Amino acid sequence: MATNSFRLDGRLALVTGSSAGIGFALARALGEAGADVVLNGRDAPKLAQAMAVLRAEGLSVHTSSFDVTQALAVQAAIDDIESSIGPIEILINNAGMQLRAPLENFAVEDWHRLMRTNVDSVFLMGQAVARKMIVRGHGKMINICSVQSEMGRPNIAPYMASKGAVKMLTKGMAIDWGPHGLQVNGLGPGYFKTELTEKLVADEAFSAWLTGRTPSRRWGEVAELGGAAVFLASDASNFVNGHVLYVDGGVTATL
């Protein structure tokens, strides 16, 4: 049956930045599809709490607390996960951050911090995991892009630059690693209700503007990203490579 190709039973998935928000929702979705999931973040107690929630739902969950922007920490963590838990067959590069300011006032140190978190982490994690996947001849990677990989808004130019870079890095990964049996794709969320967007959701003027220009006429719920993530992580997407799947209520389709 075609639906069987969406199952992830027995596969190990690592999701970065997954103690809350979109990362947590994606980890839950993969776990519900049968994957064993490793949660990642820098806050070990918060990771433990997230793991407890998912285990209470009957999911198979582990944690690995490390900084995805530090090359040595990344390599050590990947080696440890592979030796103590199992081979990583699915990687979701979700860790990211947002900083807002007029571009002429954007601090240089904030630029570098944002790029390390949003771009360097995807390169470091992707490379470390790909080296393992290439030997095995298969693997799935999903890099979290954004509608800002395509579109702009005032006061977030560095974020836009970072997510544009992630989009093109995704394509480059697919080109270089596709011949080795890997599929590398992007998932581009639109505007979703998360801890990071609480102020925007509460801003009546912004919410009215956003829902007015979104064909679906509402904010997204993070659980609605789960199906797309499972698709890109599963055998159902075996001939999908270098693609960015936007889950945005139609925002990128309209002016």
Protein backbone atom coordinates (compact mmCIF):
# COMPACT_ATOMS: atom_id res chain seq x y z
CA MET A 1 0.00 0.00 0.00
CA ALA A 2 1.15 3.51 -0.78
CA THR A 3 0.47 4.64 2.78
CA ASN A 4 3.04 2.16 4.11
CA SER A 5 5.81 4.20 2.48
CA PHE A 6 5.14 6.98 4.99
CA ARG A 7 6.01 4.82 8.02
CA LEU A 8 9.28 5.42 9.85
CA ASP A 9 9.35 2.34 12.07
CA GLY A 10 12.80 1.43 13.37
CA ARG A 11 14.50 4.56 12.01
CA LEU A 12 16.46 6.94 14.19
CA ALA A 13 15.78 10.65 13.71
CA LEU A 14 17.73 13.56 15.18
CA VAL A 15 15.92 16.90 15.39
CA THR A 16 17.93 19.97 16.40
CA GLY A 17 16.36 22.71 18.47
CA SER A 18 13.52 20.41 19.46
CA SER A 19 12.77 21.15 23.11
CA ALA A 20 9.87 23.42 22.11
CA GLY A 21 8.05 25.05 19.21
CA ILE A 22 8.36 23.80 15.66
CA GLY A 23 11.21 21.41 16.46
CA PHE A 24 9.20 19.73 19.20
CA ALA A 25 6.19 19.39 16.89
CA LEU A 26 8.33 17.83 14.16
CA ALA A 27 9.91 15.39 16.62
CA ARG A 28 6.46 14.37 17.82
CA ALA A 29 5.25 13.81 14.25
CA LEU A 30 8.22 11.59 13.38
CA GLY A 31 7.74 9.64 16.60
CA GLU A 32 4.05 9.13 15.84
CA ALA A 33 5.09 7.73 12.43
CA GLY A 34 7.23 5.14 14.21
CA ALA A 35 10.68 6.72 14.40
CA ASP A 36 12.96 6.66 17.41
CA VAL A 37 13.67 10.34 18.04
CA VAL A 38 16.64 12.17 19.53
CA LEU A 39 15.80 15.64 20.84
CA ASN A 40 18.55 18.27 20.79
CA GLY A 41 19.08 21.61 22.45
CA ARG A 42 21.48 23.39 24.78
CA ASP A 43 19.15 23.37 27.81
CA ALA A 44 19.37 19.84 29.23
CA PRO A 45 16.57 20.25 31.83
CA LYS A 46 14.20 21.61 29.17
CA LEU A 47 15.10 18.69 26.90
CA ALA A 48 14.35 16.26 29.71
CA GLN A 49 10.92 17.83 30.19
CA ALA A 50 10.18 17.57 26.46
CA MET A 51 11.31 13.94 26.44
CA ALA A 52 9.02 13.16 29.39
CA VAL A 53 6.02 14.61 27.55
CA LEU A 54 6.65 12.54 24.42
CA ARG A 55 7.44 9.35 26.33
CA ALA A 56 4.15 9.78 28.20
CA GLU A 57 2.50 9.66 24.77
CA GLY A 58 4.15 6.29 24.12
CA LEU A 59 6.89 7.54 21.81
CA SER A 60 10.50 6.35 21.76
CA VAL A 61 12.58 9.41 22.64
CA HIS A 62 16.16 10.18 23.68
CA THR A 63 18.02 13.46 24.27
CA SER A 64 21.43 14.83 23.29
CA SER A 65 22.34 18.26 24.62
CA PHE A 66 25.03 20.05 22.60
CA ASP A 67 25.67 23.31 20.74
CA VAL A 68 25.02 22.82 17.02
CA THR A 69 27.19 25.85 16.17
CA GLN A 70 30.39 24.29 17.56
CA ALA A 71 32.17 21.91 15.16
CA LEU A 72 33.93 19.79 17.80
CA ALA A 73 30.78 19.46 19.91
CA VAL A 74 28.76 18.46 16.83
CA GLN A 75 31.21 15.75 15.78
CA ALA A 76 31.48 14.35 19.31
CA ALA A 77 27.69 14.27 19.71
CA ILE A 78 27.08 12.56 16.36
CA ASP A 79 29.71 9.93 17.15
CA ASP A 80 28.14 9.36 20.57
CA ILE A 81 24.59 9.04 19.22
CA GLU A 82 25.70 6.61 16.52
CA SER A 83 27.62 4.43 18.99
CA SER A 84 25.20 4.52 21.93
CA ILE A 85 21.75 4.77 20.29
CA GLY A 86 22.08 3.82 16.63
CA PRO A 87 22.69 5.07 13.08
CA ILE A 88 21.06 8.39 12.30
CA GLU A 89 18.83 7.84 9.28
CA ILE A 90 16.91 11.12 9.48
CA LEU A 91 18.26 14.57 10.36
CA ILE A 92 16.11 17.66 10.74
CA ASN A 93 18.15 20.87 10.99
CA ASN A 94 15.66 23.03 12.84
CA ALA A 95 17.77 25.08 15.27
CA GLY A 96 17.45 28.76 14.46
CA MET A 97 16.92 32.26 15.80
CA GLN A 98 15.48 35.62 14.80
CA LEU A 99 16.82 39.09 15.58
CA ARG A 100 15.00 42.23 14.44
CA ALA A 101 16.46 45.68 13.79
CA PRO A 102 16.77 48.20 10.96
CA LEU A 103 19.64 46.96 8.81
CA GLU A 104 21.67 50.18 9.23
CA ASN A 105 21.59 49.62 13.00
CA PHE A 106 22.11 45.85 13.03
CA ALA A 107 25.06 45.02 15.29
CA VAL A 108 27.95 43.12 13.71
CA GLU A 109 28.07 40.64 16.60
CA ASP A 110 24.34 39.93 16.16
CA TRP A 111 24.92 39.28 12.44
CA HIS A 112 27.57 36.68 13.24
CA ARG A 113 25.50 35.10 16.02
CA LEU A 114 22.47 34.78 13.74
CA MET A 115 24.54 33.31 10.89
CA ARG A 116 26.23 30.81 13.21
CA THR A 117 22.88 29.62 14.49
CA ASN A 118 20.90 29.61 11.25
CA VAL A 119 23.52 28.70 8.64
CA ASP A 120 26.69 27.32 10.22
CA SER A 121 24.69 24.79 12.22
CA VAL A 122 23.10 23.38 9.06
CA PHE A 123 26.52 22.99 7.43
CA LEU A 124 28.16 21.46 10.51
CA MET A 125 25.32 19.06 11.32
CA GLY A 126 24.71 18.15 7.69
CA GLN A 127 28.35 17.40 7.01
CA ALA A 128 28.87 15.34 10.18
CA VAL A 129 25.76 13.23 9.61
CA ALA A 130 26.26 12.94 5.85
CA ARG A 131 29.66 11.34 6.36
CA LYS A 132 27.90 8.53 8.23
CA MET A 133 24.99 8.28 5.77
CA ILE A 134 27.26 8.17 2.71
CA VAL A 135 28.99 5.05 4.01
CA ARG A 136 25.59 3.38 4.46
CA GLY A 137 24.30 4.58 1.08
CA HIS A 138 21.08 6.19 2.28
CA GLY A 139 19.68 8.93 4.51
CA LYS A 140 17.19 11.78 4.77
CA MET A 141 17.87 15.38 5.70
CA ILE A 142 15.35 18.15 6.14
CA ASN A 143 16.60 21.71 6.54
CA ILE A 144 14.12 24.16 8.00
CA CYS A 145 13.88 27.08 5.63
CA SER A 146 11.20 29.79 5.79
CA VAL A 147 8.92 31.85 3.63
CA GLN A 148 11.71 34.38 4.16
CA SER A 149 13.84 32.13 1.98
CA GLU A 150 11.76 33.69 -0.82
CA MET A 151 10.12 36.84 0.53
CA GLY A 152 11.04 39.87 2.61
CA ARG A 153 9.79 41.96 5.50
CA PRO A 154 11.18 45.14 7.08
CA ASN A 155 13.87 44.89 9.77
CA ILE A 156 14.77 41.22 9.21
CA ALA A 157 17.27 41.44 6.33
CA PRO A 158 19.93 39.30 8.10
CA TYR A 159 17.34 36.61 8.85
CA MET A 160 16.24 36.68 5.22
CA ALA A 161 19.86 36.31 4.13
CA SER A 162 20.33 33.35 6.46
CA LYS A 163 17.23 31.52 5.28
CA GLY A 164 18.08 32.21 1.64
CA ALA A 165 21.45 30.64 2.36
CA VAL A 166 19.80 27.58 3.92
CA LYS A 167 17.65 27.16 0.81
CA MET A 168 20.67 27.16 -1.49
CA LEU A 169 22.74 25.03 0.88
CA THR A 170 19.91 22.48 0.77
CA LYS A 171 20.14 22.37 -3.01
CA GLY A 172 23.93 22.06 -2.86
CA MET A 173 23.70 19.19 -0.37
CA ALA A 174 21.25 17.38 -2.64
CA ILE A 175 23.56 17.83 -5.62
CA ASP A 176 26.68 16.60 -3.80
CA TRP A 177 25.11 13.84 -1.72
CA GLY A 178 22.30 12.63 -3.97
CA PRO A 179 24.68 10.32 -5.88
CA HIS A 180 25.41 8.60 -2.55
CA GLY A 181 21.75 7.78 -1.89
CA LEU A 182 20.79 10.75 0.27
CA GLN A 183 17.74 12.97 -0.14
CA VAL A 184 18.13 16.50 1.20
CA ASN A 185 15.11 18.77 1.13
CA GLY A 186 13.86 21.91 2.80
CA LEU A 187 10.68 22.56 4.75
CA GLY A 188 9.56 26.19 4.64
CA PRO A 189 7.09 27.19 7.35
CA GLY A 190 4.99 30.28 6.96
CA TYR A 191 3.62 32.11 10.00
CA PHE A 192 2.90 29.69 12.83
CA LYS A 193 1.82 30.17 16.43
CA THR A 194 4.86 29.38 18.59
CA GLU A 195 6.58 30.72 21.69
CA LEU A 196 8.69 32.92 19.40
CA THR A 197 5.70 34.51 17.65
CA GLU A 198 3.49 35.18 20.69
CA LYS A 199 3.96 38.95 20.42
CA LEU A 200 3.10 38.96 16.71
CA VAL A 201 0.02 36.82 17.31
CA ALA A 202 -1.09 39.24 20.03
CA ASP A 203 -0.52 42.25 17.76
CA GLU A 204 -4.00 42.79 16.35
CA ALA A 205 -2.85 44.99 13.50
CA PHE A 206 -0.17 42.53 12.37
CA SER A 207 -2.48 39.51 12.70
CA ALA A 208 -5.15 41.30 10.67
CA TRP A 209 -2.62 42.14 7.96
CA LEU A 210 -1.21 38.60 7.91
CA THR A 211 -4.52 36.76 7.80
CA GLY A 212 -5.78 39.20 5.18
CA ARG A 213 -2.94 38.35 2.77
CA THR A 214 -2.85 34.62 3.56
CA PRO A 215 -5.21 32.65 1.29
CA SER A 216 -6.05 30.29 4.17
CA ARG A 217 -6.95 33.38 6.24
CA ARG A 218 -5.32 32.29 9.50
CA TRP A 219 -2.11 31.54 11.36
CA GLY A 220 -0.71 28.02 11.10
CA GLU A 221 -0.69 25.51 13.95
CA VAL A 222 2.67 23.75 14.43
CA ALA A 223 1.07 20.31 14.25
CA GLU A 224 0.24 21.10 10.61
CA LEU A 225 3.94 20.85 9.75
CA GLY A 226 4.08 17.23 10.85
CA GLY A 227 2.69 15.63 7.70
CA ALA A 228 5.15 17.42 5.44
CA ALA A 229 8.05 16.41 7.70
CA VAL A 230 6.99 12.77 7.73
CA PHE A 231 6.69 12.82 3.94
CA LEU A 232 10.19 14.23 3.47
CA ALA A 233 11.64 11.83 6.05
CA SER A 234 10.01 8.71 4.60
CA ASP A 235 10.33 6.47 1.56
CA ALA A 236 7.37 8.34 0.08
CA SER A 237 9.84 11.08 -0.96
CA ASN A 238 12.64 8.88 -2.29
CA PHE A 239 12.72 10.71 -5.65
CA VAL A 240 12.30 14.17 -4.12
CA ASN A 241 15.68 15.88 -3.79
CA GLY A 242 16.79 19.50 -3.48
CA HIS A 243 13.21 20.69 -3.10
CA VAL A 244 11.78 23.21 -0.61
CA LEU A 245 8.24 22.39 0.48
CA TYR A 246 6.47 25.51 1.73
CA VAL A 247 3.74 24.98 4.31
CA ASP A 248 2.45 28.51 4.56
CA GLY A 249 -1.28 28.72 3.91
CA GLY A 250 -0.50 30.12 0.48
CA VAL A 251 1.53 33.19 1.54
CA THR A 252 4.22 32.60 -1.09
CA ALA A 253 1.56 32.31 -3.79
CA THR A 254 0.16 35.81 -3.47
CA LEU A 255 1.20 39.46 -3.37
